[in-house]
N, C-alpha and C. Protein backbone atom coordinates (compact mmCIF):
# COMPACT_ATOMS: atom_id res chain seq x y z
N UNK A 1 -16.85 -9.51 -10.27
CA UNK A 1 -15.86 -7.91 -10.80
C UNK A 1 -14.54 -7.88 -9.86
N UNK A 2 -13.74 -7.82 -10.39
CA UNK A 2 -12.48 -7.55 -9.31
C UNK A 2 -12.24 -6.05 -9.12
N UNK A 3 -12.02 -6.15 -7.68
CA UNK A 3 -11.92 -4.83 -6.81
C UNK A 3 -10.77 -4.54 -5.86
N UNK A 4 -10.08 -3.58 -5.88
CA UNK A 4 -8.97 -3.43 -5.17
C UNK A 4 -9.60 -1.62 -4.71
N UNK A 5 -10.00 -1.35 -3.48
CA UNK A 5 -10.39 -0.28 -3.19
C UNK A 5 -8.96 0.00 -1.63
N UNK A 6 -9.04 1.02 -2.36
CA UNK A 6 -8.12 1.55 -1.16
C UNK A 6 -9.02 2.69 0.01
N UNK A 7 -8.20 2.87 1.05
CA UNK A 7 -8.77 3.80 1.75
C UNK A 7 -8.02 4.33 2.75
N UNK A 8 -8.31 5.36 3.46
CA UNK A 8 -7.48 5.79 5.12
C UNK A 8 -6.36 6.71 4.66
N UNK A 9 -6.51 7.41 3.09
CA UNK A 9 -5.20 8.58 2.86
C UNK A 9 -6.30 9.69 3.51
N UNK A 10 -4.73 11.15 3.05
CA UNK A 10 -5.84 12.55 4.24
C UNK A 10 -4.54 13.51 4.29
N UNK A 11 -4.98 14.41 4.83
CA UNK A 11 -3.62 15.27 4.92
C UNK A 11 -3.05 15.01 6.45
N UNK A 12 -1.89 14.75 6.26
CA UNK A 12 -1.32 15.03 8.03
C UNK A 12 -0.30 16.08 8.16
N UNK A 13 0.13 15.88 8.85
CA UNK A 13 1.35 16.99 9.12
C UNK A 13 2.65 16.33 9.30
N UNK A 14 3.80 16.72 9.16
CA UNK A 14 4.91 15.83 9.23
C UNK A 14 5.03 15.17 10.45
N UNK A 15 5.82 14.16 10.98
CA UNK A 15 6.07 12.87 11.81
C UNK A 15 4.84 12.74 12.09
N UNK A 16 3.71 12.75 11.61
CA UNK A 16 2.19 11.99 12.04
C UNK A 16 2.28 10.85 11.21
N UNK A 17 1.25 9.61 11.42
CA UNK A 17 0.92 8.40 11.17
C UNK A 17 -0.07 8.61 10.45
N UNK A 18 -0.52 7.67 9.83
CA UNK A 18 -1.82 7.04 8.83
C UNK A 18 -1.37 5.42 8.66
N UNK A 19 -2.98 5.15 8.68
CA UNK A 19 -2.83 3.47 7.86
C UNK A 19 -3.70 3.06 6.80
N UNK A 20 -3.14 2.99 5.91
CA UNK A 20 -3.78 2.58 4.52
C UNK A 20 -4.33 1.57 4.72
N UNK A 21 -5.87 1.30 3.82
CA UNK A 21 -6.40 -0.48 3.82
C UNK A 21 -6.36 -0.63 2.41
N UNK A 22 -6.66 -1.55 2.16
CA UNK A 22 -6.91 -1.97 0.49
C UNK A 22 -8.10 -3.34 0.61
N UNK A 23 -8.74 -3.19 0.03
CA UNK A 23 -9.95 -4.51 0.47
C UNK A 23 -10.30 -4.76 -0.77
N UNK A 24 -10.07 -6.19 -1.15
CA UNK A 24 -10.08 -6.82 -2.42
C UNK A 24 -11.56 -8.04 -2.16
N UNK A 25 -11.87 -7.63 -3.53
CA UNK A 25 -12.79 -9.02 -3.84
C UNK A 25 -13.12 -8.95 -5.35
N UNK A 26 -13.70 -10.21 -5.52
CA UNK A 26 -13.73 -10.56 -7.14
C UNK A 26 -12.51 -11.73 -7.27
N UNK A 27 -11.75 -12.17 -6.41
CA UNK A 27 -10.61 -12.90 -6.67
C UNK A 27 -10.19 -13.83 -5.45
N UNK A 28 -9.36 -14.91 -5.85
CA UNK A 28 -9.30 -15.28 -4.02
C UNK A 28 -7.76 -14.49 -4.09
N UNK A 29 -8.06 -14.10 -2.85
CA UNK A 29 -7.13 -13.32 -2.00
C UNK A 29 -5.86 -14.02 -1.75
N UNK A 30 -6.44 -14.66 -1.06
CA UNK A 30 -4.62 -15.25 -0.75
C UNK A 30 -4.49 -16.26 -1.45
N UNK A 31 -4.15 -15.87 -2.71
CA UNK A 31 -3.37 -16.48 -3.49
C UNK A 31 -2.60 -15.59 -4.07
N UNK A 32 -2.96 -14.40 -4.13
CA UNK A 32 -1.79 -12.85 -4.63
C UNK A 32 -0.66 -12.64 -3.78
N UNK A 33 0.35 -12.60 -3.97
CA UNK A 33 0.75 -11.07 -3.34
C UNK A 33 0.43 -9.92 -3.26
N UNK A 34 0.87 -9.09 -2.77
CA UNK A 34 -0.01 -7.49 -2.40
C UNK A 34 1.17 -6.59 -2.00
N UNK A 35 1.32 -5.33 -3.04
CA UNK A 35 2.30 -4.52 -3.06
C UNK A 35 1.55 -3.16 -2.74
N UNK A 36 2.25 -2.61 -2.11
CA UNK A 36 1.85 -0.75 -2.38
C UNK A 36 2.35 -0.16 -2.75
N UNK A 37 2.06 0.72 -3.85
CA UNK A 37 3.17 1.65 -4.86
C UNK A 37 2.65 2.82 -4.43
N UNK A 38 3.52 4.12 -4.97
CA UNK A 38 3.04 5.32 -4.85
C UNK A 38 3.36 6.16 -6.11
N UNK A 39 2.75 7.02 -6.46
CA UNK A 39 3.18 8.21 -7.61
C UNK A 39 3.20 9.46 -7.21
N UNK A 40 4.29 10.60 -7.18
CA UNK A 40 4.02 11.66 -6.60
C UNK A 40 4.00 12.32 -8.10
N UNK A 41 3.45 13.99 -7.29
CA UNK A 41 3.28 14.37 -9.08
C UNK A 41 4.60 14.80 -9.86
N UNK A 42 4.92 14.64 -11.13
CA UNK A 42 5.74 14.53 -11.77
C UNK A 42 6.45 13.65 -12.10
N UNK A 43 6.27 12.26 -11.15
CA UNK A 43 7.18 11.24 -10.60
C UNK A 43 6.61 10.16 -11.07
N UNK A 44 7.21 8.97 -11.25
CA UNK A 44 7.35 7.91 -11.91
C UNK A 44 6.60 7.27 -10.75
N UNK A 45 5.67 5.82 -11.11
CA UNK A 45 5.32 5.12 -10.16
C UNK A 45 6.10 4.27 -9.26
N UNK A 46 6.35 4.32 -7.80
CA UNK A 46 7.25 3.62 -7.28
C UNK A 46 6.73 2.57 -6.34
N UNK A 47 7.41 1.23 -6.45
CA UNK A 47 7.10 0.45 -5.20
C UNK A 47 7.30 0.70 -3.76
N UNK A 48 6.39 0.62 -3.06
CA UNK A 48 6.81 1.14 -1.23
C UNK A 48 7.18 -0.30 -0.53
N UNK A 49 6.24 -1.66 -0.77
CA UNK A 49 6.76 -2.27 0.03
C UNK A 49 5.68 -3.65 -0.51
N UNK A 50 5.90 -4.89 -0.19
CA UNK A 50 5.63 -5.95 -0.47
C UNK A 50 5.09 -6.92 0.34
N UNK A 51 4.08 -7.53 0.45
CA UNK A 51 3.99 -8.96 1.41
C UNK A 51 3.43 -10.25 0.63
N UNK A 52 4.44 -11.28 0.64
CA UNK A 52 3.40 -12.48 0.01
C UNK A 52 2.53 -13.04 0.07
N UNK A 53 1.44 -14.08 -0.41
CA UNK A 53 0.37 -14.19 -0.40
C UNK A 53 0.06 -14.42 1.06
N UNK A 54 0.56 -15.13 1.71
CA UNK A 54 0.52 -15.71 3.03
C UNK A 54 0.73 -14.99 3.93
N UNK A 55 1.38 -14.14 3.69
CA UNK A 55 1.98 -12.96 5.11
C UNK A 55 3.35 -13.65 5.76
N UNK A 56 3.84 -14.55 4.97
CA UNK A 56 4.58 -15.39 6.15
C UNK A 56 6.53 -15.34 5.96
N UNK A 57 6.34 -14.36 4.46
CA UNK A 57 7.69 -14.79 4.00
C UNK A 57 7.99 -13.67 4.25
N UNK A 58 9.40 -12.56 4.07
CA UNK A 58 9.99 -11.13 4.32
C UNK A 58 9.49 -10.62 3.81
N UNK A 59 9.26 -9.33 4.22
CA UNK A 59 8.10 -8.36 3.40
C UNK A 59 9.29 -7.44 2.74
N UNK A 60 8.78 -6.81 1.57
CA UNK A 60 9.79 -5.96 1.34
C UNK A 60 9.58 -4.38 1.15
N UNK A 61 10.37 -3.78 1.70
CA UNK A 61 10.31 -2.04 1.16
C UNK A 61 11.25 -1.38 1.26
N UNK A 62 11.08 -0.11 0.23
CA UNK A 62 11.82 0.44 -0.22
C UNK A 62 12.72 1.45 1.08
N UNK A 63 14.23 1.59 0.18
CA UNK A 63 14.56 2.27 1.47
C UNK A 63 14.15 3.07 2.20
N UNK A 64 13.46 4.23 1.18
CA UNK A 64 13.24 5.63 1.98
C UNK A 64 11.95 5.44 2.77
N UNK A 65 11.27 4.17 3.03
CA UNK A 65 9.87 3.94 3.84
C UNK A 65 10.66 2.99 4.80
N UNK A 66 12.03 2.46 4.91
CA UNK A 66 12.47 1.06 5.35
C UNK A 66 12.27 1.62 7.17
N UNK A 67 11.83 1.07 8.17
CA UNK A 67 11.46 1.40 9.96
C UNK A 67 10.59 2.22 10.26
N UNK A 68 10.17 2.76 8.78
CA UNK A 68 8.82 3.78 9.22
C UNK A 68 7.25 3.17 8.78
N UNK A 69 7.01 2.22 7.77
CA UNK A 69 6.50 1.67 7.07
C UNK A 69 6.12 0.21 7.64
N UNK A 70 4.85 -0.19 7.66
CA UNK A 70 4.72 -1.57 7.62
C UNK A 70 3.97 -2.46 7.00
N UNK A 71 3.84 -3.04 5.84
CA UNK A 71 2.81 -3.81 5.28
C UNK A 71 2.19 -5.04 6.19
N UNK A 72 0.83 -5.17 6.35
CA UNK A 72 0.52 -6.40 6.67
C UNK A 72 -0.96 -6.92 6.48
N UNK A 73 -1.42 -7.96 5.94
CA UNK A 73 -2.93 -8.11 5.38
C UNK A 73 -3.43 -9.46 6.29
N UNK A 74 -4.61 -9.44 6.61
CA UNK A 74 -5.74 -10.54 7.09
C UNK A 74 -6.44 -10.89 6.38
N UNK A 75 -6.11 -12.13 5.71
CA UNK A 75 -6.92 -12.65 5.06
C UNK A 75 -7.79 -13.56 4.75
N UNK A 76 -8.30 -13.35 6.06
CA UNK A 76 -10.08 -13.67 6.37
C UNK A 76 -10.56 -12.43 6.24
N UNK A 77 -9.44 -11.36 5.93
CA UNK A 77 -11.20 -10.43 5.98
C UNK A 77 -10.64 -9.70 4.42
N UNK A 78 -9.79 -10.41 3.55
CA UNK A 78 -9.26 -9.79 2.27
C UNK A 78 -8.72 -8.33 2.01
N UNK A 79 -7.94 -8.19 3.24
CA UNK A 79 -7.36 -6.97 3.51
C UNK A 79 -6.02 -6.32 3.72
N UNK A 80 -5.69 -5.62 2.83
CA UNK A 80 -4.25 -5.05 3.33
C UNK A 80 -3.94 -4.05 3.82
N UNK A 81 -3.05 -3.83 4.51
CA UNK A 81 -2.50 -2.42 5.43
C UNK A 81 -1.60 -2.21 5.14
N UNK A 82 -0.96 -0.95 5.12
CA UNK A 82 -0.02 -0.21 5.26
C UNK A 82 0.12 0.91 6.32
N UNK A 83 0.77 0.49 7.44
CA UNK A 83 0.91 1.38 8.32
C UNK A 83 2.07 2.61 8.23
N UNK A 84 1.79 3.78 8.47
CA UNK A 84 2.80 4.77 7.80
C UNK A 84 3.07 5.74 9.23
N UNK A 85 4.28 5.63 9.67
CA UNK A 85 4.52 6.28 10.80
C UNK A 85 5.71 7.71 10.46
N UNK A 86 6.00 8.31 10.96
CA UNK A 86 7.50 9.80 10.69
C UNK A 86 6.78 9.94 9.53
N UNK A 87 5.91 10.21 9.17
CA UNK A 87 5.25 10.68 7.74
C UNK A 87 6.48 12.12 7.29
N UNK A 88 6.85 12.52 6.12
CA UNK A 88 7.82 13.32 5.14
C UNK A 88 6.80 13.73 4.53
N UNK A 89 7.30 14.98 4.68
CA UNK A 89 6.72 16.30 3.38
C UNK A 89 6.90 15.17 1.91
N UNK A 90 8.33 14.59 2.01
CA UNK A 90 8.48 13.70 0.66
C UNK A 90 7.71 12.52 0.18
N UNK A 91 6.82 11.99 1.40
CA UNK A 91 5.91 10.61 1.40
C UNK A 91 4.43 11.47 0.46
N UNK A 92 4.22 12.61 0.15
CA UNK A 92 3.45 13.15 -0.22
C UNK A 92 3.09 12.27 -2.23
N UNK A 93 2.01 11.59 -2.19
CA UNK A 93 1.83 10.73 -3.52
C UNK A 93 0.47 10.07 -3.22
N UNK A 94 0.04 9.76 -4.65
CA UNK A 94 -1.31 8.91 -4.05
C UNK A 94 -0.32 7.11 -4.22
N UNK A 95 -1.26 6.68 -3.43
CA UNK A 95 -0.92 5.09 -2.92
C UNK A 95 -1.89 4.24 -3.36
N UNK A 96 -1.30 2.99 -4.23
CA UNK A 96 -1.92 2.29 -4.98
C UNK A 96 -1.49 1.16 -4.58
N UNK A 97 -2.82 -0.16 -4.03
CA UNK A 97 -2.66 -1.09 -3.95
C UNK A 97 -2.07 -2.21 -5.42
N UNK A 98 -1.73 -3.10 -5.19
CA UNK A 98 -1.75 -3.96 -6.02
C UNK A 98 -1.69 -5.50 -5.99
N UNK A 99 -2.54 -6.51 -6.29
CA UNK A 99 -2.64 -7.67 -5.74
C UNK A 99 -1.92 -8.18 -7.41
N UNK A 100 -0.98 -8.77 -6.96
CA UNK A 100 0.10 -9.96 -8.35
C UNK A 100 -0.54 -11.55 -8.25
N UNK A 101 -0.17 -12.07 -9.09
CA UNK A 101 -0.15 -13.64 -9.12
C UNK A 101 0.47 -14.00 -10.42
N UNK A 102 1.91 -14.26 -10.46
CA UNK A 102 2.48 -14.65 -11.63
C UNK A 102 2.18 -13.41 -12.77
N UNK A 103 1.25 -13.38 -14.02
CA UNK A 103 0.80 -12.52 -14.76
C UNK A 103 -0.14 -11.83 -14.47
N UNK A 104 -1.18 -12.25 -13.41
CA UNK A 104 -2.41 -11.68 -13.33
C UNK A 104 -1.78 -10.84 -12.06
N UNK A 105 -2.83 -9.30 -12.28
CA UNK A 105 -2.38 -8.05 -11.75
C UNK A 105 -3.24 -6.81 -11.64
N UNK A 106 -4.08 -7.08 -10.50
CA UNK A 106 -4.42 -6.32 -10.53
C UNK A 106 -4.35 -4.30 -9.42
N UNK A 107 -4.93 -3.63 -9.70
CA UNK A 107 -4.80 -2.01 -9.51
C UNK A 107 -5.83 -1.72 -8.53
N UNK A 108 -5.50 -1.07 -7.80
CA UNK A 108 -6.93 0.00 -6.98
C UNK A 108 -6.79 1.20 -7.63
N UNK A 109 -7.83 1.80 -7.15
CA UNK A 109 -8.00 3.31 -7.92
C UNK A 109 -7.02 4.24 -7.43
N UNK A 110 -6.25 3.87 -6.32
CA UNK A 110 -5.40 4.89 -5.13
C UNK A 110 -6.09 5.66 -4.36
N UNK A 111 -5.18 6.20 -3.23
CA UNK A 111 -6.03 6.75 -2.37
C UNK A 111 -4.77 8.43 -1.83
N UNK A 112 -5.25 9.33 -2.04
CA UNK A 112 -3.86 10.29 -1.98
C UNK A 112 -3.60 10.34 -0.02
N UNK A 113 -2.18 10.87 -0.12
CA UNK A 113 -1.62 11.23 1.17
C UNK A 113 -1.23 12.24 0.78
N UNK A 114 -0.98 13.21 1.79
CA UNK A 114 -0.51 14.60 1.38
C UNK A 114 -0.18 14.49 3.39
N UNK A 115 1.33 15.32 3.01
CA UNK A 115 2.18 15.67 4.69
C UNK A 115 2.71 17.09 4.35
N UNK A 116 2.09 17.63 5.09
CA UNK A 116 2.78 18.91 5.23
C UNK A 116 3.72 19.46 6.28
N UNK A 117 4.45 20.12 6.06
CA UNK A 117 5.94 20.81 6.82
C UNK A 117 5.44 20.91 7.96
């Protein structure tokens, strides 16, 4: 059974930090690239960050989070991370983890991040 389980979301104040985790099971984690997406109320889901299957390539970041967010992974623990710092109210959204390999893709259920002004 394939699972991606995000955790680490919560309510923080502007300028604070959070680290999200995504734990995978049921598939070969180190064969899949990982992306973090987010969806704010009334908005479309957007790509936030991406990392290759072995974590050795250039990571991808949305312009809105460059310099503030860091994506990483630990393939020995089947876990991906999104370190978020200098959070802003506009970062408020549900954050989703996505595993991708070719046409195969899995999504997690999401974790809520709320940043108060």
